[in-house]
Amino acid sequence: MNIIIKQIELMQRIDRLIRMKATGPPILLAHRLGISRTKLYRMIRIMKDLNAPVEYDETIQSYVYEEEVGLIFGFYTNELRISKIQAIT
């Protein structure tokens, strides 16, 4: 179970950096996250498999989202409205 939680936390960290357009080149991002470049590419691939529109922008040397997206992991009740979900992201 810890493996899944650690991967989700890593994905959330990557997501935050992408939103800030502050990932830097892959080798620096991997170093910053304390993972190998291979693991970084694997996580980006997983994010893409989950429909994240992630691309690398050579101009600003950062991963970016081609369109605005949200990332939510976890469970919530039907009573939780969209506005509350947006506040979480």
PDB file of N, CA and C in Angstrom:
ATOM      1  N   MET A   1       0.822  -1.202   0.000  1.00  0.00           N
ATOM      2  CA  MET A   1       0.000   0.000   0.000  1.00  0.00           C
ATOM      3  C   MET A   1       0.861   1.259   0.000  1.00  0.00           C
ATOM      4  N   ASN A   2       1.968   1.236   0.730  1.00  0.00           N
ATOM      5  CA  ASN A   2       2.845   2.401   0.773  1.00  0.00           C
ATOM      6  C   ASN A   2       3.383   2.768  -0.602  1.00  0.00           C
ATOM      7  N   ILE A   3       3.603   1.779  -1.450  1.00  0.00           N
ATOM      8  CA  ILE A   3       4.125   2.046  -2.790  1.00  0.00           C
ATOM      9  C   ILE A   3       3.140   2.898  -3.574  1.00  0.00           C
ATOM     10  N   ILE A   4       1.872   2.549  -3.502  1.00  0.00           N
ATOM     11  CA  ILE A   4       0.837   3.306  -4.217  1.00  0.00           C
ATOM     12  C   ILE A   4       0.771   4.730  -3.690  1.00  0.00           C
ATOM     13  N   ILE A   5       0.777   4.883  -2.389  1.00  0.00           N
ATOM     14  CA  ILE A   5       0.702   6.217  -1.783  1.00  0.00           C
ATOM     15  C   ILE A   5       1.912   7.051  -2.185  1.00  0.00           C
ATOM     16  N   LYS A   6       3.103   6.457  -2.179  1.00  0.00           N
ATOM     17  CA  LYS A   6       4.305   7.192  -2.573  1.00  0.00           C
ATOM     18  C   LYS A   6       4.240   7.610  -4.037  1.00  0.00           C
ATOM     19  N   GLN A   7       3.701   6.744  -4.892  1.00  0.00           N
ATOM     20  CA  GLN A   7       3.585   7.109  -6.308  1.00  0.00           C
ATOM     21  C   GLN A   7       2.575   8.235  -6.498  1.00  0.00           C
ATOM     22  N   ILE A   8       1.477   8.194  -5.763  1.00  0.00           N
ATOM     23  CA  ILE A   8       0.482   9.269  -5.849  1.00  0.00           C
ATOM     24  C   ILE A   8       1.099  10.582  -5.371  1.00  0.00           C
ATOM     25  N   GLU A   9       1.829  10.531  -4.257  1.00  0.00           N
ATOM     26  CA  GLU A   9       2.474  11.750  -3.744  1.00  0.00           C
ATOM     27  C   GLU A   9       3.486  12.298  -4.743  1.00  0.00           C
ATOM     28  N   LEU A  10       4.238  11.414  -5.391  1.00  0.00           N
ATOM     29  CA  LEU A  10       5.195  11.842  -6.408  1.00  0.00           C
ATOM     30  C   LEU A  10       4.473  12.494  -7.581  1.00  0.00           C
ATOM     31  N   MET A  11       3.375  11.892  -8.004  1.00  0.00           N
ATOM     32  CA  MET A  11       2.604  12.456  -9.106  1.00  0.00           C
ATOM     33  C   MET A  11       2.051  13.831  -8.726  1.00  0.00           C
ATOM     34  N   GLN A  12       1.623  13.989  -7.487  1.00  0.00           N
ATOM     35  CA  GLN A  12       1.116  15.276  -7.033  1.00  0.00           C
ATOM     36  C   GLN A  12       2.230  16.331  -7.027  1.00  0.00           C
ATOM     37  N   ARG A  13       3.446  15.948  -6.637  1.00  0.00           N
ATOM     38  CA  ARG A  13       4.578  16.891  -6.663  1.00  0.00           C
ATOM     39  C   ARG A  13       4.893  17.311  -8.097  1.00  0.00           C
ATOM     40  N   ILE A  14       4.913  16.333  -8.992  1.00  0.00           N
ATOM     41  CA  ILE A  14       5.171  16.637 -10.401  1.00  0.00           C
ATOM     42  C   ILE A  14       4.079  17.563 -10.932  1.00  0.00           C
ATOM     43  N   ASP A  15       2.836  17.261 -10.599  1.00  0.00           N
ATOM     44  CA  ASP A  15       1.699  18.079 -11.038  1.00  0.00           C
ATOM     45  C   ASP A  15       1.863  19.528 -10.578  1.00  0.00           C
ATOM     46  N   ARG A  16       2.232  19.728  -9.308  1.00  0.00           N
ATOM     47  CA  ARG A  16       2.408  21.097  -8.798  1.00  0.00           C
ATOM     48  C   ARG A  16       3.480  21.853  -9.578  1.00  0.00           C
ATOM     49  N   LEU A  17       4.592  21.176  -9.841  1.00  0.00           N
ATOM     50  CA  LEU A  17       5.678  21.825 -10.578  1.00  0.00           C
ATOM     51  C   LEU A  17       5.278  22.127 -12.017  1.00  0.00           C
ATOM     52  N   ILE A  18       4.512  21.221 -12.626  1.00  0.00           N
ATOM     53  CA  ILE A  18       4.032  21.468 -13.993  1.00  0.00           C
ATOM     54  C   ILE A  18       3.114  22.685 -14.004  1.00  0.00           C
ATOM     55  N   ARG A  19       2.219  22.781 -13.033  1.00  0.00           N
ATOM     56  CA  ARG A  19       1.299  23.925 -12.974  1.00  0.00           C
ATOM     57  C   ARG A  19       2.052  25.244 -12.838  1.00  0.00           C
ATOM     58  N   MET A  20       3.170  25.212 -12.134  1.00  0.00           N
ATOM     59  CA  MET A  20       3.975  26.426 -11.956  1.00  0.00           C
ATOM     60  C   MET A  20       4.921  26.649 -13.130  1.00  0.00           C
ATOM     61  N   LYS A  21       4.935  25.694 -14.072  1.00  0.00           N
ATOM     62  CA  LYS A  21       5.861  25.732 -15.205  1.00  0.00           C
ATOM     63  C   LYS A  21       7.296  25.877 -14.700  1.00  0.00           C
ATOM     64  N   ALA A  22       7.593  25.082 -13.678  1.00  0.00           N
ATOM     65  CA  ALA A  22       8.881  25.181 -13.000  1.00  0.00           C
ATOM     66  C   ALA A  22       9.561  23.827 -12.846  1.00  0.00           C
ATOM     67  N   THR A  23       9.367  22.931 -13.808  1.00  0.00           N
ATOM     68  CA  THR A  23       9.995  21.615 -13.676  1.00  0.00           C
ATOM     69  C   THR A  23      11.462  21.649 -14.051  1.00  0.00           C
ATOM     70  N   GLY A  24      11.817  22.504 -14.995  1.00  0.00           N
ATOM     71  CA  GLY A  24      13.168  22.482 -15.538  1.00  0.00           C
ATOM     72  C   GLY A  24      13.316  21.273 -16.450  1.00  0.00           C
ATOM     73  N   PRO A  25      14.513  21.071 -16.990  1.00  0.00           N
ATOM     74  CA  PRO A  25      14.755  19.921 -17.860  1.00  0.00           C
ATOM     75  C   PRO A  25      14.594  18.605 -17.084  1.00  0.00           C
ATOM     76  N   PRO A  26      14.311  17.516 -17.789  1.00  0.00           N
ATOM     77  CA  PRO A  26      14.074  16.227 -17.118  1.00  0.00           C
ATOM     78  C   PRO A  26      15.171  15.812 -16.140  1.00  0.00           C
ATOM     79  N   ILE A  27      16.420  15.977 -16.498  1.00  0.00           N
ATOM     80  CA  ILE A  27      17.493  15.536 -15.599  1.00  0.00           C
ATOM     81  C   ILE A  27      17.501  16.328 -14.293  1.00  0.00           C
ATOM     82  N   LEU A  28      17.220  17.636 -14.367  1.00  0.00           N
ATOM     83  CA  LEU A  28      17.158  18.453 -13.151  1.00  0.00           C
ATOM     84  C   LEU A  28      15.913  18.151 -12.335  1.00  0.00           C
ATOM     85  N   LEU A  29      14.799  17.898 -13.016  1.00  0.00           N
ATOM     86  CA  LEU A  29      13.566  17.549 -12.313  1.00  0.00           C
ATOM     87  C   LEU A  29      13.743  16.230 -11.570  1.00  0.00           C
ATOM     88  N   ALA A  30      14.315  15.247 -12.229  1.00  0.00           N
ATOM     89  CA  ALA A  30      14.542  13.948 -11.587  1.00  0.00           C
ATOM     90  C   ALA A  30      15.426  14.125 -10.348  1.00  0.00           C
ATOM     91  N   HIS A  31      16.490  14.912 -10.487  1.00  0.00           N
ATOM     92  CA  HIS A  31      17.383  15.163  -9.348  1.00  0.00           C
ATOM     93  C   HIS A  31      16.630  15.857  -8.216  1.00  0.00           C
ATOM     94  N   ARG A  32      15.847  16.856  -8.558  1.00  0.00           N
ATOM     95  CA  ARG A  32      15.072  17.612  -7.570  1.00  0.00           C
ATOM     96  C   ARG A  32      14.108  16.711  -6.806  1.00  0.00           C
ATOM     97  N   LEU A  33      13.518  15.734  -7.518  1.00  0.00           N
ATOM     98  CA  LEU A  33      12.563  14.817  -6.901  1.00  0.00           C
ATOM     99  C   LEU A  33      13.240  13.632  -6.212  1.00  0.00           C
ATOM    100  N   GLY A  34      14.535  13.480  -6.428  1.00  0.00           N
ATOM    101  CA  GLY A  34      15.262  12.377  -5.821  1.00  0.00           C
ATOM    102  C   GLY A  34      14.968  11.034  -6.465  1.00  0.00           C
ATOM    103  N   ILE A  35      14.701  11.066  -7.786  1.00  0.00           N
ATOM    104  CA  ILE A  35      14.413   9.839  -8.524  1.00  0.00           C
ATOM    105  C   ILE A  35      15.290   9.793  -9.769  1.00  0.00           C
ATOM    106  N   SER A  36      15.319   8.630 -10.405  1.00  0.00           N
ATOM    107  CA  SER A  36      16.086   8.505 -11.649  1.00  0.00           C
ATOM    108  C   SER A  36      15.305   9.142 -12.792  1.00  0.00           C
ATOM    109  N   ARG A  37      16.019   9.443 -13.842  1.00  0.00           N
ATOM    110  CA  ARG A  37      15.368   9.986 -15.036  1.00  0.00           C
ATOM    111  C   ARG A  37      14.394   8.960 -15.613  1.00  0.00           C
ATOM    112  N   THR A  38      14.771   7.686 -15.540  1.00  0.00           N
ATOM    113  CA  THR A  38      13.888   6.616 -16.020  1.00  0.00           C
ATOM    114  C   THR A  38      12.576   6.611 -15.255  1.00  0.00           C
ATOM    115  N   LYS A  39      12.650   6.748 -13.932  1.00  0.00           N
ATOM    116  CA  LYS A  39      11.425   6.766 -13.126  1.00  0.00           C
ATOM    117  C   LYS A  39      10.591   7.997 -13.452  1.00  0.00           C
ATOM    118  N   LEU A  40      11.246   9.128 -13.680  1.00  0.00           N
ATOM    119  CA  LEU A  40      10.519  10.341 -14.059  1.00  0.00           C
ATOM    120  C   LEU A  40       9.759  10.112 -15.357  1.00  0.00           C
ATOM    121  N   TYR A  41      10.434   9.566 -16.365  1.00  0.00           N
ATOM    122  CA  TYR A  41       9.768   9.314 -17.644  1.00  0.00           C
ATOM    123  C   TYR A  41       8.615   8.328 -17.470  1.00  0.00           C
ATOM    124  N   ARG A  42       8.791   7.348 -16.585  1.00  0.00           N
ATOM    125  CA  ARG A  42       7.718   6.384 -16.315  1.00  0.00           C
ATOM    126  C   ARG A  42       6.512   7.089 -15.691  1.00  0.00           C
ATOM    127  N   MET A  43       6.771   8.012 -14.748  1.00  0.00           N
ATOM    128  CA  MET A  43       5.670   8.741 -14.101  1.00  0.00           C
ATOM    129  C   MET A  43       4.954   9.659 -15.099  1.00  0.00           C
ATOM    130  N   ILE A  44       5.715  10.320 -15.964  1.00  0.00           N
ATOM    131  CA  ILE A  44       5.098  11.166 -16.993  1.00  0.00           C
ATOM    132  C   ILE A  44       4.228  10.306 -17.912  1.00  0.00           C
ATOM    133  N   ARG A  45       4.713   9.123 -18.266  1.00  0.00           N
ATOM    134  CA  ARG A  45       3.943   8.205 -19.115  1.00  0.00           C
ATOM    135  C   ARG A  45       2.649   7.794 -18.414  1.00  0.00           C
ATOM    136  N   ILE A  46       2.719   7.495 -17.122  1.00  0.00           N
ATOM    137  CA  ILE A  46       1.516   7.132 -16.356  1.00  0.00           C
ATOM    138  C   ILE A  46       0.539   8.297 -16.343  1.00  0.00           C
ATOM    139  N   MET A  47       1.048   9.512 -16.139  1.00  0.00           N
ATOM    140  CA  MET A  47       0.175  10.683 -16.144  1.00  0.00           C
ATOM    141  C   MET A  47      -0.516  10.825 -17.502  1.00  0.00           C
ATOM    142  N   LYS A  48       0.234  10.615 -18.569  1.00  0.00           N
ATOM    143  CA  LYS A  48      -0.361  10.682 -19.910  1.00  0.00           C
ATOM    144  C   LYS A  48      -1.393   9.585 -20.105  1.00  0.00           C
ATOM    145  N   ASP A  49      -1.119   8.396 -19.569  1.00  0.00           N
ATOM    146  CA  ASP A  49      -2.082   7.296 -19.660  1.00  0.00           C
ATOM    147  C   ASP A  49      -3.371   7.620 -18.909  1.00  0.00           C
ATOM    148  N   LEU A  50      -3.253   8.497 -17.898  1.00  0.00           N
ATOM    149  CA  LEU A  50      -4.423   8.952 -17.146  1.00  0.00           C
ATOM    150  C   LEU A  50      -5.045  10.203 -17.770  1.00  0.00           C
ATOM    151  N   ASN A  51      -4.660  10.486 -19.015  1.00  0.00           N
ATOM    152  CA  ASN A  51      -5.202  11.597 -19.814  1.00  0.00           C
ATOM    153  C   ASN A  51      -4.696  12.982 -19.437  1.00  0.00           C
ATOM    154  N   ALA A  52      -3.549  13.060 -18.780  1.00  0.00           N
ATOM    155  CA  ALA A  52      -2.955  14.370 -18.513  1.00  0.00           C
ATOM    156  C   ALA A  52      -2.285  14.850 -19.803  1.00  0.00           C
ATOM    157  N   PRO A  53      -2.623  16.052 -20.264  1.00  0.00           N
ATOM    158  CA  PRO A  53      -2.044  16.572 -21.502  1.00  0.00           C
ATOM    159  C   PRO A  53      -0.650  17.163 -21.281  1.00  0.00           C
ATOM    160  N   VAL A  54       0.273  16.338 -20.816  1.00  0.00           N
ATOM    161  CA  VAL A  54       1.618  16.777 -20.469  1.00  0.00           C
ATOM    162  C   VAL A  54       2.504  16.805 -21.706  1.00  0.00           C
ATOM    163  N   GLU A  55       3.195  17.903 -21.880  1.00  0.00           N
ATOM    164  CA  GLU A  55       4.171  18.052 -22.962  1.00  0.00           C
ATOM    165  C   GLU A  55       5.377  18.784 -22.415  1.00  0.00           C
ATOM    166  N   TYR A  56       6.508  18.607 -23.076  1.00  0.00           N
ATOM    167  CA  TYR A  56       7.705  19.348 -22.690  1.00  0.00           C
ATOM    168  C   TYR A  56       7.854  20.552 -23.609  1.00  0.00           C
ATOM    169  N   ASP A  57       7.977  21.732 -23.025  1.00  0.00           N
ATOM    170  CA  ASP A  57       8.124  22.966 -23.782  1.00  0.00           C
ATOM    171  C   ASP A  57       9.612  23.338 -23.810  1.00  0.00           C
ATOM    172  N   GLU A  58      10.222  23.175 -24.975  1.00  0.00           N
ATOM    173  CA  GLU A  58      11.657  23.463 -25.137  1.00  0.00           C
ATOM    174  C   GLU A  58      11.980  24.930 -24.857  1.00  0.00           C
ATOM    175  N   THR A  59      11.060  25.816 -25.201  1.00  0.00           N
ATOM    176  CA  THR A  59      11.291  27.249 -25.051  1.00  0.00           C
ATOM    177  C   THR A  59      11.523  27.637 -23.594  1.00  0.00           C
ATOM    178  N   ILE A  60      10.666  27.144 -22.709  1.00  0.00           N
ATOM    179  CA  ILE A  60      10.807  27.506 -21.290  1.00  0.00           C
ATOM    180  C   ILE A  60      11.491  26.405 -20.478  1.00  0.00           C
ATOM    181  N   GLN A  61      11.900  25.324 -21.152  1.00  0.00           N
ATOM    182  CA  GLN A  61      12.599  24.217 -20.496  1.00  0.00           C
ATOM    183  C   GLN A  61      11.807  23.684 -19.302  1.00  0.00           C
ATOM    184  N   SER A  62      10.523  23.375 -19.554  1.00  0.00           N
ATOM    185  CA  SER A  62       9.664  22.870 -18.494  1.00  0.00           C
ATOM    186  C   SER A  62       8.547  22.025 -19.094  1.00  0.00           C
ATOM    187  N   TYR A  63       8.105  21.045 -18.312  1.00  0.00           N
ATOM    188  CA  TYR A  63       6.891  20.342 -18.695  1.00  0.00           C
ATOM    189  C   TYR A  63       5.727  21.298 -18.464  1.00  0.00           C
ATOM    190  N   VAL A  64       4.721  21.202 -19.311  1.00  0.00           N
ATOM    191  CA  VAL A  64       3.526  22.042 -19.205  1.00  0.00           C
ATOM    192  C   VAL A  64       2.306  21.195 -19.535  1.00  0.00           C
ATOM    193  N   TYR A  65       1.151  21.692 -19.155  1.00  0.00           N
ATOM    194  CA  TYR A  65      -0.109  21.099 -19.589  1.00  0.00           C
ATOM    195  C   TYR A  65      -0.577  21.861 -20.810  1.00  0.00           C
ATOM    196  N   GLU A  66      -0.984  21.136 -21.846  1.00  0.00           N
ATOM    197  CA  GLU A  66      -1.489  21.788 -23.064  1.00  0.00           C
ATOM    198  C   GLU A  66      -2.833  22.455 -22.827  1.00  0.00           C
ATOM    199  N   GLU A  67      -3.557  21.986 -21.824  1.00  0.00           N
ATOM    200  CA  GLU A  67      -4.814  22.613 -21.428  1.00  0.00           C
ATOM    201  C   GLU A  67      -4.964  22.450 -19.928  1.00  0.00           C
ATOM    202  N   GLU A  68      -5.817  23.269 -19.323  1.00  0.00           N
ATOM    203  CA  GLU A  68      -5.996  23.235 -17.878  1.00  0.00           C
ATOM    204  C   GLU A  68      -6.674  21.933 -17.464  1.00  0.00           C
ATOM    205  N   VAL A  69      -6.094  21.279 -16.479  1.00  0.00           N
ATOM    206  CA  VAL A  69      -6.653  20.029 -15.959  1.00  0.00           C
ATOM    207  C   VAL A  69      -6.574  20.050 -14.436  1.00  0.00           C
ATOM    208  N   GLY A  70      -7.298  19.144 -13.810  1.00  0.00           N
ATOM    209  CA  GLY A  70      -7.249  18.986 -12.362  1.00  0.00           C
ATOM    210  C   GLY A  70      -6.784  17.587 -12.015  1.00  0.00           C
ATOM    211  N   LEU A  71      -6.221  17.435 -10.846  1.00  0.00           N
ATOM    212  CA  LEU A  71      -5.747  16.139 -10.373  1.00  0.00           C
ATOM    213  C   LEU A  71      -6.325  15.891  -8.998  1.00  0.00           C
ATOM    214  N   ILE A  72      -7.083  14.810  -8.858  1.00  0.00           N
ATOM    215  CA  ILE A  72      -7.674  14.446  -7.571  1.00  0.00           C
ATOM    216  C   ILE A  72      -7.470  12.951  -7.366  1.00  0.00           C
ATOM    217  N   PHE A  73      -6.912  12.598  -6.224  1.00  0.00           N
ATOM    218  CA  PHE A  73      -6.824  11.204  -5.821  1.00  0.00           C
ATOM    219  C   PHE A  73      -7.519  11.081  -4.484  1.00  0.00           C
ATOM    220  N   GLY A  74      -8.308  10.049  -4.324  1.00  0.00           N
ATOM    221  CA  GLY A  74      -8.972   9.816  -3.053  1.00  0.00           C
ATOM    222  C   GLY A  74     -10.455   9.565  -3.260  1.00  0.00           C
ATOM    223  N   PHE A  75     -11.137   9.430  -2.163  1.00  0.00           N
ATOM    224  CA  PHE A  75     -12.566   9.148  -2.195  1.00  0.00           C
ATOM    225  C   PHE A  75     -13.323  10.336  -1.636  1.00  0.00           C
ATOM    226  N   TYR A  76     -14.522  10.514  -2.126  1.00  0.00           N
ATOM    227  CA  TYR A  76     -15.373  11.577  -1.624  1.00  0.00           C
ATOM    228  C   TYR A  76     -16.820  11.136  -1.736  1.00  0.00           C
ATOM    229  N   THR A  77     -17.688  11.738  -0.946  1.00  0.00           N
ATOM    230  CA  THR A  77     -19.100  11.383  -0.966  1.00  0.00           C
ATOM    231  C   THR A  77     -19.810  12.134  -2.079  1.00  0.00           C
ATOM    232  N   ASN A  78     -20.981  11.686  -2.419  1.00  0.00           N
ATOM    233  CA  ASN A  78     -21.772  12.365  -3.441  1.00  0.00           C
ATOM    234  C   ASN A  78     -22.171  13.771  -3.005  1.00  0.00           C
ATOM    235  N   GLU A  79     -22.139  14.040  -1.716  1.00  0.00           N
ATOM    236  CA  GLU A  79     -22.513  15.356  -1.204  1.00  0.00           C
ATOM    237  C   GLU A  79     -21.428  16.404  -1.452  1.00  0.00           C
ATOM    238  N   LEU A  80     -20.240  15.950  -1.751  1.00  0.00           N
ATOM    239  CA  LEU A  80     -19.154  16.881  -2.017  1.00  0.00           C
ATOM    240  C   LEU A  80     -19.363  17.502  -3.387  1.00  0.00           C
ATOM    241  N   ARG A  81     -19.612  18.784  -3.416  1.00  0.00           N
ATOM    242  CA  ARG A  81     -19.904  19.479  -4.670  1.00  0.00           C
ATOM    243  C   ARG A  81     -18.630  19.806  -5.437  1.00  0.00           C
ATOM    244  N   ILE A  82     -18.815  20.115  -6.703  1.00  0.00           N
ATOM    245  CA  ILE A  82     -17.701  20.466  -7.564  1.00  0.00           C
ATOM    246  C   ILE A  82     -16.867  21.598  -6.980  1.00  0.00           C
ATOM    247  N   SER A  83     -17.507  22.585  -6.378  1.00  0.00           N
ATOM    248  CA  SER A  83     -16.759  23.706  -5.813  1.00  0.00           C
ATOM    249  C   SER A  83     -15.808  23.241  -4.728  1.00  0.00           C
ATOM    250  N   LYS A  84     -16.226  22.284  -3.942  1.00  0.00           N
ATOM    251  CA  LYS A  84     -15.353  21.751  -2.899  1.00  0.00           C
ATOM    252  C   LYS A  84     -14.226  20.939  -3.518  1.00  0.00           C
ATOM    253  N   ILE A  85     -14.511  20.212  -4.583  1.00  0.00           N
ATOM    254  CA  ILE A  85     -13.468  19.453  -5.267  1.00  0.00           C
ATOM    255  C   ILE A  85     -12.442  20.404  -5.839  1.00  0.00           C
ATOM    256  N   GLN A  86     -12.883  21.500  -6.436  1.00  0.00           N
ATOM    257  CA  GLN A  86     -11.970  22.467  -6.997  1.00  0.00           C
ATOM    258  C   GLN A  86     -11.089  23.099  -5.924  1.00  0.00           C
ATOM    259  N   ALA A  87     -11.645  23.278  -4.727  1.00  0.00           N
ATOM    260  CA  ALA A  87     -10.878  23.851  -3.629  1.00  0.00           C
ATOM    261  C   ALA A  87      -9.765  22.916  -3.186  1.00  0.00           C
ATOM    262  N   ILE A  88      -9.966  21.614  -3.358  1.00  0.00           N
ATOM    263  CA  ILE A  88      -8.968  20.619  -2.970  1.00  0.00           C
ATOM    264  C   ILE A  88      -7.798  20.653  -3.916  1.00  0.00           C
ATOM    265  N   THR A  89      -8.041  20.883  -5.209  1.00  0.00           N
ATOM    266  CA  THR A  89      -6.965  20.815  -6.211  1.00  0.00           C
ATOM    267  C   THR A  89      -6.093  22.006  -6.214  1.00  0.00           C
TER     268      THR A  89
END
